[in-house]
Each structure stands twice: as C-alpha cells, then as structure tokens.
PDB file of all heavy atoms in Angstrom:
ATOM      1  N   ILE A   1      19.778  54.063 -17.631  1.00  0.00           N
ATOM      2  CA  ILE A   1      18.759  54.806 -16.823  1.00  0.00           C
ATOM      3  C   ILE A   1      17.357  54.289 -17.141  1.00  0.00           C
ATOM      4  O   ILE A   1      16.459  54.562 -16.469  1.00  0.00           O
ATOM      5  CB  ILE A   1      18.804  56.335 -17.127  1.00  0.00           C
ATOM      6  CG1 ILE A   1      18.275  57.092 -15.950  1.00  0.00           C
ATOM      7  CG2 ILE A   1      18.108  56.682 -18.316  1.00  0.00           C
ATOM      8  CD1 ILE A   1      19.169  57.046 -14.735  1.00  0.00           C
ATOM      9  N   LEU A   2      17.249  53.532 -18.314  1.00  0.00           N
ATOM     10  CA  LEU A   2      15.961  52.969 -18.651  1.00  0.00           C
ATOM     11  C   LEU A   2      15.353  52.105 -17.575  1.00  0.00           C
ATOM     12  O   LEU A   2      14.196  52.022 -17.304  1.00  0.00           O
ATOM     13  CB  LEU A   2      16.024  52.162 -19.979  1.00  0.00           C
ATOM     14  CG  LEU A   2      16.493  52.955 -21.208  1.00  0.00           C
ATOM     15  CD1 LEU A   2      16.589  52.106 -22.382  1.00  0.00           C
ATOM     16  CD2 LEU A   2      15.452  54.116 -21.495  1.00  0.00           C
ATOM     17  N   THR A   3      16.258  51.358 -16.845  1.00  0.00           N
ATOM     18  CA  THR A   3      15.837  50.527 -15.797  1.00  0.00           C
ATOM     19  C   THR A   3      15.093  51.329 -14.722  1.00  0.00           C
ATOM     20  O   THR A   3      14.086  50.814 -14.120  1.00  0.00           O
ATOM     21  CB  THR A   3      17.060  49.766 -15.158  1.00  0.00           C
ATOM     22  OG1 THR A   3      17.719  49.020 -16.112  1.00  0.00           O
ATOM     23  CG2 THR A   3      16.601  48.861 -13.984  1.00  0.00           C
ATOM     24  N   LEU A   4      15.571  52.548 -14.436  1.00  0.00           N
ATOM     25  CA  LEU A   4      14.890  53.401 -13.473  1.00  0.00           C
ATOM     26  C   LEU A   4      13.589  53.821 -13.943  1.00  0.00           C
ATOM     27  O   LEU A   4      12.540  53.831 -13.166  1.00  0.00           O
ATOM     28  CB  LEU A   4      15.869  54.565 -13.206  1.00  0.00           C
ATOM     29  CG  LEU A   4      15.554  55.494 -11.977  1.00  0.00           C
ATOM     30  CD1 LEU A   4      15.656  54.663 -10.702  1.00  0.00           C
ATOM     31  CD2 LEU A   4      16.430  56.662 -11.979  1.00  0.00           C
ATOM     32  N   LEU A   5      13.505  54.249 -15.246  1.00  0.00           N
ATOM     33  CA  LEU A   5      12.265  54.780 -15.718  1.00  0.00           C
ATOM     34  C   LEU A   5      11.225  53.728 -15.893  1.00  0.00           C
ATOM     35  O   LEU A   5       9.952  53.936 -15.920  1.00  0.00           O
ATOM     36  CB  LEU A   5      12.532  55.495 -17.038  1.00  0.00           C
ATOM     37  CG  LEU A   5      13.491  56.624 -17.118  1.00  0.00           C
ATOM     38  CD1 LEU A   5      13.600  57.285 -18.398  1.00  0.00           C
ATOM     39  CD2 LEU A   5      13.128  57.707 -15.995  1.00  0.00           C
ATOM     40  N   ASP A   6      11.666  52.460 -16.139  1.00  0.00           N
ATOM     41  CA  ASP A   6      10.717  51.333 -16.332  1.00  0.00           C
ATOM     42  C   ASP A   6      10.075  50.893 -15.058  1.00  0.00           C
ATOM     43  O   ASP A   6       9.102  50.083 -15.017  1.00  0.00           O
ATOM     44  CB  ASP A   6      11.417  50.191 -16.937  1.00  0.00           C
ATOM     45  CG  ASP A   6      11.694  50.371 -18.452  1.00  0.00           C
ATOM     46  OD1 ASP A   6      11.051  51.186 -19.047  1.00  0.00           O
ATOM     47  OD2 ASP A   6      12.647  49.767 -18.959  1.00  0.00           O
ATOM     48  N   GLY A   7      10.556  51.398 -13.839  1.00  0.00           N
ATOM     49  CA  GLY A   7       9.972  51.104 -12.572  1.00  0.00           C
ATOM     50  C   GLY A   7      10.424  49.920 -11.893  1.00  0.00           C
ATOM     51  O   GLY A   7       9.722  49.379 -10.997  1.00  0.00           O
ATOM     52  N   ASN A   8      11.644  49.447 -12.242  1.00  0.00           N
ATOM     53  CA  ASN A   8      12.172  48.237 -11.551  1.00  0.00           C
ATOM     54  C   ASN A   8      12.684  48.570 -10.134  1.00  0.00           C
ATOM     55  O   ASN A   8      13.015  47.646  -9.395  1.00  0.00           O
ATOM     56  CB  ASN A   8      13.272  47.596 -12.443  1.00  0.00           C
ATOM     57  CG  ASN A   8      12.678  47.103 -13.732  1.00  0.00           C
ATOM     58  OD1 ASN A   8      11.520  46.776 -13.817  1.00  0.00           O
ATOM     59  ND2 ASN A   8      13.530  47.057 -14.754  1.00  0.00           N
ATOM     60  N   PHE A   9      12.918  49.795  -9.864  1.00  0.00           N
ATOM     61  CA  PHE A   9      13.487  50.196  -8.519  1.00  0.00           C
ATOM     62  C   PHE A   9      12.669  51.219  -7.828  1.00  0.00           C
ATOM     63  O   PHE A   9      12.147  50.931  -6.672  1.00  0.00           O
ATOM     64  CB  PHE A   9      14.886  50.731  -8.715  1.00  0.00           C
ATOM     65  CG  PHE A   9      15.958  49.642  -8.975  1.00  0.00           C
ATOM     66  CD1 PHE A   9      16.213  49.249 -10.223  1.00  0.00           C
ATOM     67  CD2 PHE A   9      16.546  49.056  -7.855  1.00  0.00           C
ATOM     68  CE1 PHE A   9      17.196  48.247 -10.431  1.00  0.00           C
ATOM     69  CE2 PHE A   9      17.490  48.078  -8.103  1.00  0.00           C
ATOM     70  CZ  PHE A   9      17.843  47.645  -9.386  1.00  0.00           C
ATOM     71  N   ALA A  10      12.437  52.390  -8.434  1.00  0.00           N
ATOM     72  CA  ALA A  10      11.853  53.499  -7.700  1.00  0.00           C
ATOM     73  C   ALA A  10      10.386  53.210  -7.427  1.00  0.00           C
ATOM     74  O   ALA A  10       9.674  52.538  -8.140  1.00  0.00           O
ATOM     75  CB  ALA A  10      11.916  54.748  -8.545  1.00  0.00           C
ATOM     76  N   SER A  11       9.920  53.767  -6.327  1.00  0.00           N
ATOM     77  CA  SER A  11       8.554  53.685  -5.921  1.00  0.00           C
ATOM     78  C   SER A  11       7.686  54.898  -6.405  1.00  0.00           C
ATOM     79  O   SER A  11       7.814  55.209  -7.587  1.00  0.00           O
ATOM     80  CB  SER A  11       8.436  53.581  -4.407  1.00  0.00           C
ATOM     81  OG  SER A  11       9.087  54.683  -3.723  1.00  0.00           O
ATOM     82  N   HIS A  12       6.996  55.522  -5.495  1.00  0.00           N
ATOM     83  CA  HIS A  12       6.113  56.611  -5.922  1.00  0.00           C
ATOM     84  C   HIS A  12       6.983  57.872  -6.268  1.00  0.00           C
ATOM     85  O   HIS A  12       7.145  58.806  -5.492  1.00  0.00           O
ATOM     86  CB  HIS A  12       5.135  56.965  -4.800  1.00  0.00           C
ATOM     87  CG  HIS A  12       3.941  57.749  -5.261  1.00  0.00           C
ATOM     88  ND1 HIS A  12       2.875  58.098  -4.474  1.00  0.00           N
ATOM     89  CD2 HIS A  12       3.625  58.231  -6.535  1.00  0.00           C
ATOM     90  CE1 HIS A  12       1.979  58.711  -5.197  1.00  0.00           C
ATOM     91  NE2 HIS A  12       2.387  58.856  -6.440  1.00  0.00           N
ATOM     92  N   THR A  13       7.453  57.873  -7.565  1.00  0.00           N
ATOM     93  CA  THR A  13       8.376  58.922  -8.025  1.00  0.00           C
ATOM     94  C   THR A  13       7.957  59.452  -9.390  1.00  0.00           C
ATOM     95  O   THR A  13       7.498  58.727 -10.262  1.00  0.00           O
ATOM     96  CB  THR A  13       9.751  58.353  -8.104  1.00  0.00           C
ATOM     97  OG1 THR A  13      10.156  57.764  -6.854  1.00  0.00           O
ATOM     98  CG2 THR A  13      10.786  59.376  -8.502  1.00  0.00           C
ATOM     99  N   MET A  14       8.137  60.800  -9.608  1.00  0.00           N
ATOM    100  CA  MET A  14       7.930  61.371 -10.865  1.00  0.00           C
ATOM    101  C   MET A  14       9.349  61.830 -11.378  1.00  0.00           C
ATOM    102  O   MET A  14      10.000  62.556 -10.695  1.00  0.00           O
ATOM    103  CB  MET A  14       7.069  62.574 -10.874  1.00  0.00           C
ATOM    104  CG  MET A  14       6.874  63.182 -12.304  1.00  0.00           C
ATOM    105  SD  MET A  14       6.036  64.852 -12.273  1.00  0.00           S
ATOM    106  CE  MET A  14       4.502  64.477 -11.559  1.00  0.00           C
ATOM    107  N   PHE A  15       9.765  61.367 -12.504  1.00  0.00           N
ATOM    108  CA  PHE A  15      10.987  61.804 -13.202  1.00  0.00           C
ATOM    109  C   PHE A  15      10.609  62.838 -14.206  1.00  0.00           C
ATOM    110  O   PHE A  15       9.835  62.551 -15.159  1.00  0.00           O
ATOM    111  CB  PHE A  15      11.734  60.650 -13.810  1.00  0.00           C
ATOM    112  CG  PHE A  15      12.238  59.646 -12.823  1.00  0.00           C
ATOM    113  CD1 PHE A  15      11.579  58.497 -12.591  1.00  0.00           C
ATOM    114  CD2 PHE A  15      13.428  59.896 -12.140  1.00  0.00           C
ATOM    115  CE1 PHE A  15      12.000  57.518 -11.642  1.00  0.00           C
ATOM    116  CE2 PHE A  15      13.957  58.927 -11.241  1.00  0.00           C
ATOM    117  CZ  PHE A  15      13.276  57.836 -10.950  1.00  0.00           C
ATOM    118  N   VAL A  16      11.179  64.004 -14.079  1.00  0.00           N
ATOM    119  CA  VAL A  16      10.953  65.115 -15.113  1.00  0.00           C
ATOM    120  C   VAL A  16      12.308  65.413 -15.797  1.00  0.00           C
ATOM    121  O   VAL A  16      13.239  65.853 -15.159  1.00  0.00           O
ATOM    122  CB  VAL A  16      10.392  66.408 -14.430  1.00  0.00           C
ATOM    123  CG1 VAL A  16      10.119  67.435 -15.539  1.00  0.00           C
ATOM    124  CG2 VAL A  16       9.174  66.066 -13.565  1.00  0.00           C
ATOM    125  N   LEU A  17      12.293  65.057 -17.095  1.00  0.00           N
ATOM    126  CA  LEU A  17      13.522  65.207 -17.926  1.00  0.00           C
ATOM    127  C   LEU A  17      13.321  66.368 -18.935  1.00  0.00           C
ATOM    128  O   LEU A  17      12.273  66.436 -19.584  1.00  0.00           O
ATOM    129  CB  LEU A  17      13.841  63.985 -18.673  1.00  0.00           C
ATOM    130  CG  LEU A  17      14.196  62.705 -17.892  1.00  0.00           C
ATOM    131  CD1 LEU A  17      12.941  62.061 -17.245  1.00  0.00           C
ATOM    132  CD2 LEU A  17      14.845  61.679 -18.809  1.00  0.00           C
ATOM    133  N   THR A  18      14.259  67.211 -19.014  1.00  0.00           N
ATOM    134  CA  THR A  18      14.187  68.271 -20.108  1.00  0.00           C
ATOM    135  C   THR A  18      15.375  68.022 -21.043  1.00  0.00           C
ATOM    136  O   THR A  18      16.489  67.527 -20.618  1.00  0.00           O
ATOM    137  CB  THR A  18      14.324  69.662 -19.547  1.00  0.00           C
ATOM    138  OG1 THR A  18      15.688  69.987 -19.061  1.00  0.00           O
ATOM    139  CG2 THR A  18      13.325  69.903 -18.415  1.00  0.00           C
ATOM    140  N   MET A  19      15.155  68.348 -22.310  1.00  0.00           N
ATOM    141  CA  MET A  19      16.283  68.128 -23.260  1.00  0.00           C
ATOM    142  C   MET A  19      16.098  69.122 -24.453  1.00  0.00           C
ATOM    143  O   MET A  19      14.916  69.497 -24.763  1.00  0.00           O
ATOM    144  CB  MET A  19      16.311  66.654 -23.739  1.00  0.00           C
ATOM    145  CG  MET A  19      15.091  66.174 -24.387  1.00  0.00           C
ATOM    146  SD  MET A  19      15.246  64.416 -24.753  1.00  0.00           S
ATOM    147  CE  MET A  19      16.429  64.325 -25.951  1.00  0.00           C
ATOM    148  N   ASN A  20      17.236  69.420 -25.096  1.00  0.00           N
ATOM    149  CA  ASN A  20      17.227  70.307 -26.266  1.00  0.00           C
ATOM    150  C   ASN A  20      17.149  69.461 -27.535  1.00  0.00           C
ATOM    151  O   ASN A  20      16.605  69.967 -28.557  1.00  0.00           O
ATOM    152  CB  ASN A  20      18.455  71.202 -26.325  1.00  0.00           C
ATOM    153  CG  ASN A  20      18.503  72.104 -25.089  1.00  0.00           C
ATOM    154  OD1 ASN A  20      17.525  72.632 -24.684  1.00  0.00           O
ATOM    155  ND2 ASN A  20      19.675  72.303 -24.611  1.00  0.00           N
ATOM    156  N   ALA A  21      17.575  68.228 -27.489  1.00  0.00           N
ATOM    157  CA  ALA A  21      17.579  67.442 -28.713  1.00  0.00           C
ATOM    158  C   ALA A  21      16.178  66.881 -29.002  1.00  0.00           C
ATOM    159  O   ALA A  21      15.264  66.977 -28.227  1.00  0.00           O
ATOM    160  CB  ALA A  21      18.521  66.207 -28.490  1.00  0.00           C
ATOM    161  N   ASN A  22      16.052  66.320 -30.221  1.00  0.00           N
ATOM    162  CA  ASN A  22      14.767  65.754 -30.561  1.00  0.00           C
ATOM    163  C   ASN A  22      14.632  64.355 -30.057  1.00  0.00           C
ATOM    164  O   ASN A  22      15.473  63.483 -30.306  1.00  0.00           O
ATOM    165  CB  ASN A  22      14.600  65.785 -32.155  1.00  0.00           C
ATOM    166  CG  ASN A  22      13.329  65.399 -32.618  1.00  0.00           C
ATOM    167  OD1 ASN A  22      12.498  64.636 -31.917  1.00  0.00           O
ATOM    168  ND2 ASN A  22      12.993  65.884 -33.794  1.00  0.00           N
ATOM    169  N   LEU A  23      13.554  64.061 -29.340  1.00  0.00           N
ATOM    170  CA  LEU A  23      13.375  62.773 -28.695  1.00  0.00           C
ATOM    171  C   LEU A  23      13.348  61.602 -29.764  1.00  0.00           C
ATOM    172  O   LEU A  23      13.730  60.459 -29.438  1.00  0.00           O
ATOM    173  CB  LEU A  23      12.099  62.827 -27.839  1.00  0.00           C
ATOM    174  CG  LEU A  23      11.867  61.580 -26.937  1.00  0.00           C
ATOM    175  CD1 LEU A  23      12.957  61.435 -25.985  1.00  0.00           C
ATOM    176  CD2 LEU A  23      10.529  61.725 -26.257  1.00  0.00           C
ATOM    177  N   SER A  24      12.895  61.873 -30.939  1.00  0.00           N
ATOM    178  CA  SER A  24      12.729  60.899 -31.941  1.00  0.00           C
ATOM    179  C   SER A  24      14.011  60.613 -32.697  1.00  0.00           C
ATOM    180  O   SER A  24      14.078  59.827 -33.580  1.00  0.00           O
ATOM    181  CB  SER A  24      11.638  61.243 -32.889  1.00  0.00           C
ATOM    182  OG  SER A  24      11.900  62.431 -33.543  1.00  0.00           O
ATOM    183  N   SER A  25      15.111  61.365 -32.344  1.00  0.00           N
ATOM    184  CA  SER A  25      16.352  61.207 -33.030  1.00  0.00           C
ATOM    185  C   SER A  25      17.002  59.871 -32.642  1.00  0.00           C
ATOM    186  O   SER A  25      16.525  59.190 -31.637  1.00  0.00           O
ATOM    187  CB  SER A  25      17.346  62.252 -32.668  1.00  0.00           C
ATOM    188  OG  SER A  25      17.651  62.234 -31.276  1.00  0.00           O
ATOM    189  N   GLY A  26      17.960  59.374 -33.371  1.00  0.00           N
ATOM    190  CA  GLY A  26      18.551  58.066 -33.199  1.00  0.00           C
ATOM    191  C   GLY A  26      19.120  57.868 -31.762  1.00  0.00           C
ATOM    192  O   GLY A  26      19.201  56.770 -31.324  1.00  0.00           O
ATOM    193  N   ASN A  27      19.614  58.887 -31.146  1.00  0.00           N
ATOM    194  CA  ASN A  27      20.221  58.703 -29.818  1.00  0.00           C
ATOM    195  C   ASN A  27      19.180  58.485 -28.739  1.00  0.00           C
ATOM    196  O   ASN A  27      19.568  58.067 -27.650  1.00  0.00           O
ATOM    197  CB  ASN A  27      20.992  60.006 -29.445  1.00  0.00           C
ATOM    198  CG  ASN A  27      22.234  60.129 -30.329  1.00  0.00           C
ATOM    199  OD1 ASN A  27      22.778  59.146 -30.786  1.00  0.00           O
ATOM    200  ND2 ASN A  27      22.697  61.377 -30.560  1.00  0.00           N
ATOM    201  N   PHE A  28      17.914  58.743 -28.988  1.00  0.00           N
ATOM    202  CA  PHE A  28      16.869  58.589 -27.965  1.00  0.00           C
ATOM    203  C   PHE A  28      15.679  57.688 -28.467  1.00  0.00           C
ATOM    204  O   PHE A  28      14.598  57.899 -28.034  1.00  0.00           O
ATOM    205  CB  PHE A  28      16.418  59.986 -27.535  1.00  0.00           C
ATOM    206  CG  PHE A  28      17.503  60.856 -26.936  1.00  0.00           C
ATOM    207  CD1 PHE A  28      18.162  61.670 -27.775  1.00  0.00           C
ATOM    208  CD2 PHE A  28      17.851  60.783 -25.609  1.00  0.00           C
ATOM    209  CE1 PHE A  28      19.208  62.492 -27.272  1.00  0.00           C
ATOM    210  CE2 PHE A  28      18.812  61.538 -25.098  1.00  0.00           C
ATOM    211  CZ  PHE A  28      19.548  62.399 -25.882  1.00  0.00           C
ATOM    212  N   GLU A  29      16.065  56.770 -29.365  1.00  0.00           N
ATOM    213  CA  GLU A  29      14.963  55.912 -29.894  1.00  0.00           C
ATOM    214  C   GLU A  29      14.243  55.100 -28.814  1.00  0.00           C
ATOM    215  O   GLU A  29      13.068  54.753 -29.008  1.00  0.00           O
ATOM    216  CB  GLU A  29      15.476  55.077 -30.980  1.00  0.00           C
ATOM    217  CG  GLU A  29      16.436  53.981 -30.553  1.00  0.00           C
ATOM    218  CD  GLU A  29      17.858  54.395 -30.513  1.00  0.00           C
ATOM    219  OE1 GLU A  29      18.159  55.650 -30.499  1.00  0.00           O
ATOM    220  OE2 GLU A  29      18.772  53.514 -30.433  1.00  0.00           O
ATOM    221  N   PHE A  30      14.947  54.815 -27.695  1.00  0.00           N
ATOM    222  CA  PHE A  30      14.287  53.974 -26.700  1.00  0.00           C
ATOM    223  C   PHE A  30      13.352  54.731 -25.786  1.00  0.00           C
ATOM    224  O   PHE A  30      12.695  54.154 -24.920  1.00  0.00           O
ATOM    225  CB  PHE A  30      15.409  53.294 -25.867  1.00  0.00           C
ATOM    226  CG  PHE A  30      16.255  52.345 -26.597  1.00  0.00           C
ATOM    227  CD1 PHE A  30      17.606  52.496 -26.614  1.00  0.00           C
ATOM    228  CD2 PHE A  30      15.691  51.338 -27.301  1.00  0.00           C
ATOM    229  CE1 PHE A  30      18.451  51.648 -27.309  1.00  0.00           C
ATOM    230  CE2 PHE A  30      16.502  50.471 -28.058  1.00  0.00           C
ATOM    231  CZ  PHE A  30      17.860  50.523 -28.041  1.00  0.00           C
TER     232      PHE A  30
END
C-alpha cells in the first residue's frame, strides 16, 4: 500500500487511516 500513499498512482486524493497500534512500532516503521 506504500505505493499508493507515495503518489505513484492516485491523483487528487486524501487517504485517512485510523489505527489502534502505535505508528512507531516495528510493524509500521515505514
């Protein structure tokens, strides 16, 4: 999904993500 967020495909789009985990944890380091 990083490809999508990096802007390689989508045009004028806002992605809003919610999560319960800590973003700085090992699973979301990118």
